[in-house]
Amino acid sequence: ISDFGLARLMNPIDTHLSTFVNGEFGDLGYVAPDPLWPLQKGIFGVVLLELVTGEEPTHVSNAPENFRGSLVDWITYLSNNSILQDAIDKSLIGKDNDAELLQCMKVACSCVLSSPKERPTMFEVYQLLRAVGEKYHFSAADDELTMQPQNADPGDELI
């Protein structure tokens, strides 16, 4: 989702960049200052909208020609007019997961509500997305991502 390599181009003194990433010291990464933490849900919502719609946050190609807003503005318009399903990326439709795509879209919409206080907590977002995955029999073990395949030699590196 992000390119930590670009972070090296920025001056860490002037930004919220840190060399502390995922509990280890290494590449520069973004560390949100505490007052901005509620905004992270909105950012996650935008990323989820991008995944489901195939659109960019600042330019919506499927919107009417006279539309001049952002992806969130377009989604809000569609939601207010009960046509949210029109935003789903056409290349994803019809593959036996349309209901799940719409559920993900609704979760994303809840993350980008205009008032941060109305947005769900990230734990609630997690629970909502886990519920979407239940059709595919995801388990709690699926929540943990490992960096090496189970049958890999510990000396092998992933490329």
N, C-alpha and C. Protein backbone atom coordinates (compact mmCIF):
# COMPACT_ATOMS: atom_id res chain seq x y z
N ILE A 1 0.83 -1.19 0.00
CA ILE A 1 0.00 0.00 0.00
C ILE A 1 0.87 1.24 0.00
N SER A 2 2.01 1.16 0.62
CA SER A 2 2.88 2.33 0.62
C SER A 2 4.28 1.92 0.20
N ASP A 3 5.05 2.91 -0.17
CA ASP A 3 6.41 2.66 -0.62
C ASP A 3 7.36 3.32 0.37
N PHE A 4 7.88 2.52 1.30
CA PHE A 4 8.78 3.08 2.30
C PHE A 4 10.05 3.62 1.66
N GLY A 5 10.40 3.14 0.47
CA GLY A 5 11.58 3.65 -0.21
C GLY A 5 11.49 5.14 -0.47
N LEU A 6 10.29 5.64 -0.73
CA LEU A 6 10.10 7.07 -0.95
C LEU A 6 10.33 7.87 0.32
N ALA A 7 10.11 7.23 1.47
CA ALA A 7 10.27 7.94 2.74
C ALA A 7 11.70 8.41 2.94
N ARG A 8 12.66 7.71 2.37
CA ARG A 8 14.06 8.10 2.53
C ARG A 8 14.36 9.45 1.88
N LEU A 9 13.52 9.87 0.95
CA LEU A 9 13.72 11.15 0.27
C LEU A 9 13.31 12.33 1.13
N MET A 10 12.56 12.07 2.19
CA MET A 10 12.04 13.14 3.03
C MET A 10 12.98 13.39 4.21
N ASN A 11 12.93 14.60 4.73
CA ASN A 11 13.73 14.96 5.89
C ASN A 11 12.96 14.55 7.15
N PRO A 12 13.43 13.55 7.91
CA PRO A 12 12.69 13.08 9.08
C PRO A 12 12.45 14.15 10.13
N ILE A 13 13.26 15.19 10.16
CA ILE A 13 13.07 16.25 11.14
C ILE A 13 11.81 17.04 10.82
N ASP A 14 11.48 17.17 9.54
CA ASP A 14 10.33 17.98 9.12
C ASP A 14 9.07 17.18 8.93
N THR A 15 9.08 15.89 9.20
CA THR A 15 7.93 15.04 8.92
C THR A 15 7.59 14.18 10.12
N HIS A 16 6.59 13.35 9.97
CA HIS A 16 6.22 12.37 11.00
C HIS A 16 6.81 11.02 10.64
N LEU A 17 7.99 11.02 10.08
CA LEU A 17 8.64 9.77 9.71
C LEU A 17 9.50 9.29 10.85
N SER A 18 9.62 8.00 10.95
CA SER A 18 10.44 7.40 11.98
C SER A 18 11.11 6.17 11.41
N THR A 19 12.22 5.76 12.03
CA THR A 19 12.86 4.53 11.58
C THR A 19 12.30 3.33 12.33
N PHE A 20 11.33 3.53 13.18
CA PHE A 20 10.72 2.44 13.92
C PHE A 20 9.52 1.94 13.14
N VAL A 21 9.59 0.71 12.63
CA VAL A 21 8.54 0.17 11.79
C VAL A 21 8.19 -1.23 12.26
N ASN A 22 6.93 -1.48 12.53
CA ASN A 22 6.46 -2.82 12.92
C ASN A 22 7.28 -3.42 14.06
N GLY A 23 7.64 -2.60 15.03
CA GLY A 23 8.34 -3.12 16.19
C GLY A 23 9.82 -3.34 15.98
N GLU A 24 10.34 -3.01 14.83
CA GLU A 24 11.76 -3.19 14.55
C GLU A 24 12.31 -1.89 13.99
N PHE A 25 13.59 -1.68 14.16
CA PHE A 25 14.21 -0.51 13.58
C PHE A 25 14.72 -0.87 12.20
N GLY A 26 14.47 -0.02 11.25
CA GLY A 26 14.88 -0.32 9.89
C GLY A 26 14.51 0.81 8.96
N ASP A 27 13.75 0.50 7.93
CA ASP A 27 13.36 1.51 6.95
C ASP A 27 12.52 2.60 7.60
N LEU A 28 12.57 3.76 6.99
CA LEU A 28 11.71 4.84 7.44
C LEU A 28 10.27 4.48 7.16
N GLY A 29 9.38 4.88 8.04
CA GLY A 29 7.97 4.63 7.84
C GLY A 29 7.16 5.72 8.49
N TYR A 30 5.91 5.81 8.16
CA TYR A 30 5.04 6.84 8.71
C TYR A 30 4.55 6.41 10.08
N VAL A 31 4.70 7.26 11.06
CA VAL A 31 4.16 7.03 12.39
C VAL A 31 3.21 8.18 12.67
N ALA A 32 1.93 7.88 12.79
CA ALA A 32 0.94 8.93 12.97
C ALA A 32 1.07 9.56 14.35
N PRO A 33 1.09 10.88 14.42
CA PRO A 33 1.06 11.53 15.73
C PRO A 33 -0.29 11.28 16.38
N ASP A 34 -0.33 11.19 17.69
CA ASP A 34 -1.55 10.83 18.40
C ASP A 34 -2.78 11.65 18.02
N PRO A 35 -2.71 12.99 17.89
CA PRO A 35 -3.92 13.75 17.56
C PRO A 35 -4.53 13.36 16.22
N LEU A 36 -3.75 12.82 15.32
CA LEU A 36 -4.26 12.46 14.01
C LEU A 36 -4.75 11.02 13.93
N TRP A 37 -4.59 10.23 14.99
CA TRP A 37 -4.96 8.82 14.93
C TRP A 37 -6.38 8.59 14.42
N PRO A 38 -7.41 9.38 14.83
CA PRO A 38 -8.76 9.14 14.31
C PRO A 38 -8.84 9.26 12.78
N LEU A 39 -7.95 10.01 12.18
CA LEU A 39 -7.97 10.17 10.73
C LEU A 39 -7.54 8.89 10.01
N GLN A 40 -6.82 8.02 10.71
CA GLN A 40 -6.33 6.80 10.08
C GLN A 40 -7.49 5.93 9.57
N LYS A 41 -8.61 5.94 10.28
CA LYS A 41 -9.77 5.17 9.82
C LYS A 41 -10.25 5.69 8.47
N GLY A 42 -10.24 7.01 8.32
CA GLY A 42 -10.64 7.60 7.05
C GLY A 42 -9.69 7.22 5.93
N ILE A 43 -8.40 7.22 6.24
CA ILE A 43 -7.41 6.84 5.24
C ILE A 43 -7.59 5.38 4.86
N PHE A 44 -7.82 4.51 5.84
CA PHE A 44 -8.06 3.11 5.55
C PHE A 44 -9.31 2.96 4.68
N GLY A 45 -10.34 3.73 4.98
CA GLY A 45 -11.57 3.69 4.20
C GLY A 45 -11.34 4.07 2.75
N VAL A 46 -10.51 5.08 2.53
CA VAL A 46 -10.20 5.50 1.15
C VAL A 46 -9.46 4.38 0.42
N VAL A 47 -8.50 3.74 1.09
CA VAL A 47 -7.77 2.64 0.46
C VAL A 47 -8.73 1.50 0.11
N LEU A 48 -9.64 1.19 1.02
CA LEU A 48 -10.62 0.13 0.75
C LEU A 48 -11.53 0.53 -0.41
N LEU A 49 -11.93 1.79 -0.48
CA LEU A 49 -12.73 2.27 -1.61
C LEU A 49 -11.96 2.13 -2.92
N GLU A 50 -10.68 2.46 -2.89
CA GLU A 50 -9.86 2.31 -4.10
C GLU A 50 -9.84 0.86 -4.57
N LEU A 51 -9.70 -0.07 -3.63
CA LEU A 51 -9.64 -1.49 -3.99
C LEU A 51 -10.95 -1.98 -4.61
N VAL A 52 -12.07 -1.56 -4.05
CA VAL A 52 -13.37 -2.05 -4.51
C VAL A 52 -13.85 -1.33 -5.77
N THR A 53 -13.48 -0.06 -5.91
CA THR A 53 -13.98 0.70 -7.07
C THR A 53 -13.00 0.73 -8.23
N GLY A 54 -11.72 0.55 -7.94
CA GLY A 54 -10.71 0.68 -8.99
C GLY A 54 -10.45 2.13 -9.36
N GLU A 55 -10.90 3.05 -8.54
CA GLU A 55 -10.77 4.48 -8.81
C GLU A 55 -9.66 5.10 -7.96
N GLU A 56 -9.17 6.25 -8.40
CA GLU A 56 -8.18 7.01 -7.64
C GLU A 56 -8.91 7.93 -6.66
N PRO A 57 -8.27 8.26 -5.54
CA PRO A 57 -8.94 9.11 -4.55
C PRO A 57 -9.29 10.50 -5.04
N THR A 58 -8.53 11.02 -5.99
CA THR A 58 -8.76 12.39 -6.45
C THR A 58 -9.36 12.50 -7.84
N HIS A 59 -9.51 11.38 -8.53
CA HIS A 59 -10.08 11.42 -9.88
C HIS A 59 -10.94 10.18 -10.10
N VAL A 60 -12.22 10.40 -10.35
CA VAL A 60 -13.16 9.30 -10.53
C VAL A 60 -13.53 9.22 -12.00
N SER A 61 -13.05 8.20 -12.69
CA SER A 61 -13.29 8.09 -14.13
C SER A 61 -14.71 7.63 -14.45
N ASN A 62 -15.37 6.91 -13.53
CA ASN A 62 -16.73 6.43 -13.78
C ASN A 62 -17.81 7.43 -13.41
N ALA A 63 -17.43 8.54 -12.82
CA ALA A 63 -18.41 9.56 -12.45
C ALA A 63 -18.85 10.32 -13.69
N PRO A 64 -20.01 10.99 -13.62
CA PRO A 64 -20.45 11.80 -14.76
C PRO A 64 -19.39 12.84 -15.12
N GLU A 65 -19.38 13.24 -16.37
CA GLU A 65 -18.36 14.15 -16.89
C GLU A 65 -18.30 15.47 -16.12
N ASN A 66 -19.44 15.94 -15.65
CA ASN A 66 -19.48 17.22 -14.94
C ASN A 66 -19.15 17.10 -13.45
N PHE A 67 -18.87 15.89 -12.97
CA PHE A 67 -18.54 15.68 -11.56
C PHE A 67 -17.13 16.18 -11.27
N ARG A 68 -16.97 16.96 -10.22
CA ARG A 68 -15.67 17.55 -9.90
C ARG A 68 -15.19 17.21 -8.48
N GLY A 69 -15.73 16.19 -7.87
CA GLY A 69 -15.35 15.87 -6.49
C GLY A 69 -14.35 14.73 -6.40
N SER A 70 -14.09 14.33 -5.18
CA SER A 70 -13.17 13.23 -4.89
C SER A 70 -13.91 11.90 -4.91
N LEU A 71 -13.17 10.83 -4.73
CA LEU A 71 -13.76 9.50 -4.64
C LEU A 71 -14.76 9.43 -3.49
N VAL A 72 -14.40 10.00 -2.35
CA VAL A 72 -15.31 10.00 -1.20
C VAL A 72 -16.57 10.79 -1.52
N ASP A 73 -16.45 11.93 -2.21
CA ASP A 73 -17.62 12.71 -2.60
C ASP A 73 -18.54 11.90 -3.50
N TRP A 74 -17.95 11.19 -4.45
CA TRP A 74 -18.74 10.39 -5.40
C TRP A 74 -19.45 9.25 -4.68
N ILE A 75 -18.73 8.57 -3.79
CA ILE A 75 -19.32 7.46 -3.04
C ILE A 75 -20.44 7.97 -2.14
N THR A 76 -20.23 9.12 -1.51
CA THR A 76 -21.27 9.71 -0.67
C THR A 76 -22.52 10.01 -1.49
N TYR A 77 -22.34 10.57 -2.67
CA TYR A 77 -23.47 10.85 -3.57
C TYR A 77 -24.22 9.56 -3.91
N LEU A 78 -23.47 8.52 -4.31
CA LEU A 78 -24.11 7.26 -4.68
C LEU A 78 -24.83 6.63 -3.49
N SER A 79 -24.22 6.69 -2.33
CA SER A 79 -24.83 6.12 -1.12
C SER A 79 -26.11 6.86 -0.77
N ASN A 80 -26.08 8.19 -0.83
CA ASN A 80 -27.27 8.99 -0.53
C ASN A 80 -28.41 8.72 -1.51
N ASN A 81 -28.08 8.25 -2.72
CA ASN A 81 -29.09 7.96 -3.73
C ASN A 81 -29.36 6.46 -3.86
N SER A 82 -28.88 5.68 -2.89
CA SER A 82 -29.11 4.22 -2.83
C SER A 82 -28.65 3.49 -4.09
N ILE A 83 -27.56 3.95 -4.68
CA ILE A 83 -27.00 3.27 -5.86
C ILE A 83 -25.51 3.00 -5.67
N LEU A 84 -25.16 2.65 -4.45
CA LEU A 84 -23.76 2.40 -4.10
C LEU A 84 -23.14 1.30 -4.95
N GLN A 85 -23.94 0.31 -5.32
CA GLN A 85 -23.42 -0.81 -6.12
C GLN A 85 -22.87 -0.34 -7.47
N ASP A 86 -23.30 0.83 -7.94
CA ASP A 86 -22.80 1.36 -9.22
C ASP A 86 -21.32 1.73 -9.16
N ALA A 87 -20.77 1.86 -7.97
CA ALA A 87 -19.37 2.25 -7.83
C ALA A 87 -18.41 1.06 -7.90
N ILE A 88 -18.91 -0.15 -7.75
CA ILE A 88 -18.03 -1.32 -7.73
C ILE A 88 -17.37 -1.50 -9.09
N ASP A 89 -16.08 -1.77 -9.07
CA ASP A 89 -15.29 -1.99 -10.28
C ASP A 89 -15.96 -3.07 -11.14
N LYS A 90 -16.28 -2.71 -12.36
CA LYS A 90 -17.01 -3.63 -13.27
C LYS A 90 -16.24 -4.93 -13.52
N SER A 91 -14.92 -4.89 -13.42
CA SER A 91 -14.13 -6.10 -13.66
C SER A 91 -14.25 -7.09 -12.50
N LEU A 92 -14.80 -6.65 -11.36
CA LEU A 92 -14.96 -7.53 -10.21
C LEU A 92 -16.36 -8.12 -10.11
N ILE A 93 -17.31 -7.54 -10.84
CA ILE A 93 -18.71 -7.96 -10.74
C ILE A 93 -18.94 -9.27 -11.49
N GLY A 94 -19.84 -10.09 -10.93
CA GLY A 94 -20.24 -11.33 -11.59
C GLY A 94 -19.32 -12.50 -11.34
N LYS A 95 -18.51 -12.42 -10.32
CA LYS A 95 -17.58 -13.51 -10.02
C LYS A 95 -17.96 -14.19 -8.71
N ASP A 96 -19.25 -14.23 -8.43
CA ASP A 96 -19.81 -14.89 -7.25
C ASP A 96 -19.36 -14.25 -5.94
N ASN A 97 -19.05 -12.97 -5.97
CA ASN A 97 -18.70 -12.28 -4.73
C ASN A 97 -19.29 -10.86 -4.68
N ASP A 98 -20.34 -10.63 -5.44
CA ASP A 98 -20.94 -9.30 -5.49
C ASP A 98 -21.44 -8.83 -4.12
N ALA A 99 -22.06 -9.73 -3.36
CA ALA A 99 -22.57 -9.36 -2.04
C ALA A 99 -21.43 -8.95 -1.11
N GLU A 100 -20.31 -9.68 -1.19
CA GLU A 100 -19.16 -9.36 -0.35
C GLU A 100 -18.54 -8.02 -0.76
N LEU A 101 -18.49 -7.76 -2.06
CA LEU A 101 -17.97 -6.48 -2.53
C LEU A 101 -18.81 -5.32 -2.01
N LEU A 102 -20.12 -5.49 -2.03
CA LEU A 102 -21.01 -4.44 -1.53
C LEU A 102 -20.83 -4.26 -0.03
N GLN A 103 -20.64 -5.37 0.70
CA GLN A 103 -20.39 -5.26 2.14
C GLN A 103 -19.08 -4.52 2.42
N CYS A 104 -18.04 -4.83 1.66
CA CYS A 104 -16.76 -4.12 1.81
C CYS A 104 -16.94 -2.64 1.50
N MET A 105 -17.74 -2.35 0.50
CA MET A 105 -18.02 -0.95 0.14
C MET A 105 -18.71 -0.24 1.30
N LYS A 106 -19.65 -0.91 1.94
CA LYS A 106 -20.36 -0.31 3.07
C LYS A 106 -19.42 -0.08 4.25
N VAL A 107 -18.51 -1.02 4.49
CA VAL A 107 -17.52 -0.84 5.56
C VAL A 107 -16.65 0.38 5.24
N ALA A 108 -16.20 0.46 4.00
CA ALA A 108 -15.38 1.60 3.58
C ALA A 108 -16.14 2.91 3.77
N CYS A 109 -17.42 2.92 3.41
CA CYS A 109 -18.24 4.13 3.57
C CYS A 109 -18.32 4.55 5.04
N SER A 110 -18.43 3.56 5.93
CA SER A 110 -18.50 3.90 7.35
C SER A 110 -17.19 4.50 7.85
N CYS A 111 -16.09 4.14 7.21
CA CYS A 111 -14.77 4.67 7.60
C CYS A 111 -14.54 6.10 7.12
N VAL A 112 -15.28 6.54 6.12
CA VAL A 112 -15.06 7.88 5.57
C VAL A 112 -16.21 8.83 5.87
N LEU A 113 -17.02 8.50 6.87
CA LEU A 113 -18.08 9.42 7.27
C LEU A 113 -17.46 10.77 7.61
N SER A 114 -18.18 11.85 7.33
CA SER A 114 -17.60 13.18 7.49
C SER A 114 -17.21 13.49 8.93
N SER A 115 -17.92 12.94 9.88
CA SER A 115 -17.56 13.16 11.28
C SER A 115 -16.75 11.97 11.79
N PRO A 116 -15.49 12.18 12.15
CA PRO A 116 -14.67 11.07 12.65
C PRO A 116 -15.28 10.35 13.84
N LYS A 117 -16.06 11.06 14.65
CA LYS A 117 -16.70 10.44 15.82
C LYS A 117 -17.74 9.40 15.41
N GLU A 118 -18.30 9.52 14.21
CA GLU A 118 -19.31 8.58 13.74
C GLU A 118 -18.70 7.34 13.10
N ARG A 119 -17.40 7.37 12.85
CA ARG A 119 -16.73 6.24 12.20
C ARG A 119 -16.54 5.10 13.19
N PRO A 120 -16.56 3.86 12.69
CA PRO A 120 -16.32 2.72 13.59
C PRO A 120 -14.86 2.71 14.04
N THR A 121 -14.62 2.01 15.15
CA THR A 121 -13.23 1.82 15.57
C THR A 121 -12.58 0.84 14.60
N MET A 122 -11.26 0.80 14.60
CA MET A 122 -10.58 -0.14 13.71
C MET A 122 -10.88 -1.58 14.10
N PHE A 123 -11.13 -1.83 15.38
CA PHE A 123 -11.52 -3.18 15.79
C PHE A 123 -12.88 -3.53 15.20
N GLU A 124 -13.80 -2.57 15.20
CA GLU A 124 -15.12 -2.81 14.59
C GLU A 124 -14.98 -3.04 13.09
N VAL A 125 -14.09 -2.28 12.45
CA VAL A 125 -13.84 -2.48 11.01
C VAL A 125 -13.32 -3.89 10.78
N TYR A 126 -12.38 -4.31 11.62
CA TYR A 126 -11.84 -5.67 11.53
C TYR A 126 -12.96 -6.71 11.65
N GLN A 127 -13.83 -6.53 12.64
CA GLN A 127 -14.93 -7.48 12.84
C GLN A 127 -15.87 -7.51 11.63
N LEU A 128 -16.17 -6.35 11.08
CA LEU A 128 -17.05 -6.29 9.91
C LEU A 128 -16.42 -7.00 8.71
N LEU A 129 -15.14 -6.77 8.48
CA LEU A 129 -14.47 -7.41 7.35
C LEU A 129 -14.31 -8.92 7.58
N ARG A 130 -14.08 -9.33 8.83
CA ARG A 130 -14.01 -10.77 9.14
C ARG A 130 -15.35 -11.42 8.83
N ALA A 131 -16.45 -10.73 9.15
CA ALA A 131 -17.77 -11.28 8.88
C ALA A 131 -17.97 -11.48 7.38
N VAL A 132 -17.44 -10.57 6.58
CA VAL A 132 -17.53 -10.72 5.12
C VAL A 132 -16.78 -11.97 4.68
N GLY A 133 -15.65 -12.26 5.32
CA GLY A 133 -14.83 -13.41 4.96
C GLY A 133 -15.34 -14.74 5.46
N GLU A 134 -16.35 -14.75 6.32
CA GLU A 134 -16.86 -16.02 6.87
C GLU A 134 -17.38 -16.95 5.78
N LYS A 135 -17.89 -16.41 4.70
CA LYS A 135 -18.38 -17.25 3.60
C LYS A 135 -17.26 -18.14 3.07
N TYR A 136 -16.03 -17.66 3.20
CA TYR A 136 -14.88 -18.39 2.68
C TYR A 136 -14.15 -19.18 3.77
N HIS A 137 -14.80 -19.30 4.93
CA HIS A 137 -14.30 -20.11 6.04
C HIS A 137 -12.94 -19.64 6.54
N PHE A 138 -12.73 -18.33 6.60
CA PHE A 138 -11.50 -17.81 7.20
C PHE A 138 -11.51 -18.12 8.68
N SER A 139 -10.37 -18.38 9.26
CA SER A 139 -10.27 -18.63 10.69
C SER A 139 -9.37 -17.58 11.32
N ALA A 140 -9.28 -17.60 12.64
CA ALA A 140 -8.42 -16.65 13.34
C ALA A 140 -6.97 -16.83 12.90
N ALA A 141 -6.58 -18.05 12.56
CA ALA A 141 -5.21 -18.30 12.10
C ALA A 141 -4.93 -17.57 10.79
N ASP A 142 -5.96 -17.35 9.98
CA ASP A 142 -5.78 -16.64 8.71
C ASP A 142 -5.48 -15.16 8.92
N ASP A 143 -5.75 -14.64 10.11
CA ASP A 143 -5.52 -13.23 10.39
C ASP A 143 -4.04 -12.91 10.52
N GLU A 144 -3.24 -13.90 10.85
CA GLU A 144 -1.82 -13.66 11.06
C GLU A 144 -1.07 -13.98 9.78
N LEU A 145 -0.36 -13.00 9.27
CA LEU A 145 0.42 -13.18 8.06
C LEU A 145 1.83 -13.60 8.43
N THR A 146 2.30 -14.65 7.82
CA THR A 146 3.67 -15.07 8.07
C THR A 146 4.53 -14.61 6.91
N MET A 147 5.78 -14.40 7.19
CA MET A 147 6.70 -13.92 6.16
C MET A 147 7.32 -15.06 5.36
N GLN A 148 7.24 -16.29 5.86
CA GLN A 148 7.82 -17.42 5.15
C GLN A 148 6.77 -18.52 5.04
N PRO A 149 6.75 -19.24 3.92
CA PRO A 149 5.86 -20.40 3.81
C PRO A 149 6.22 -21.42 4.89
N GLN A 150 5.23 -22.22 5.31
CA GLN A 150 5.44 -23.17 6.40
C GLN A 150 6.52 -24.20 6.08
N ASN A 151 6.69 -24.56 4.83
CA ASN A 151 7.67 -25.57 4.47
C ASN A 151 9.02 -24.98 4.08
N ALA A 152 9.21 -23.69 4.31
CA ALA A 152 10.45 -23.03 3.89
C ALA A 152 11.57 -23.29 4.90
N ASP A 153 12.77 -23.31 4.40
CA ASP A 153 13.95 -23.41 5.24
C ASP A 153 14.16 -22.04 5.89
N PRO A 154 14.39 -22.00 7.21
CA PRO A 154 14.55 -20.70 7.89
C PRO A 154 15.64 -19.83 7.28
N GLY A 155 16.60 -20.42 6.59
CA GLY A 155 17.67 -19.64 5.97
C GLY A 155 17.27 -19.02 4.66
N ASP A 156 16.14 -19.46 4.08
CA ASP A 156 15.69 -18.91 2.81
C ASP A 156 15.08 -17.53 3.02
N GLU A 157 15.27 -16.66 2.04
CA GLU A 157 14.67 -15.34 2.08
C GLU A 157 13.57 -15.26 1.04
N LEU A 158 12.52 -14.53 1.37
CA LEU A 158 11.48 -14.27 0.38
C LEU A 158 11.94 -13.15 -0.51
N ILE A 159 11.66 -13.27 -1.78
CA ILE A 159 12.05 -12.24 -2.74
C ILE A 159 10.82 -11.51 -3.21
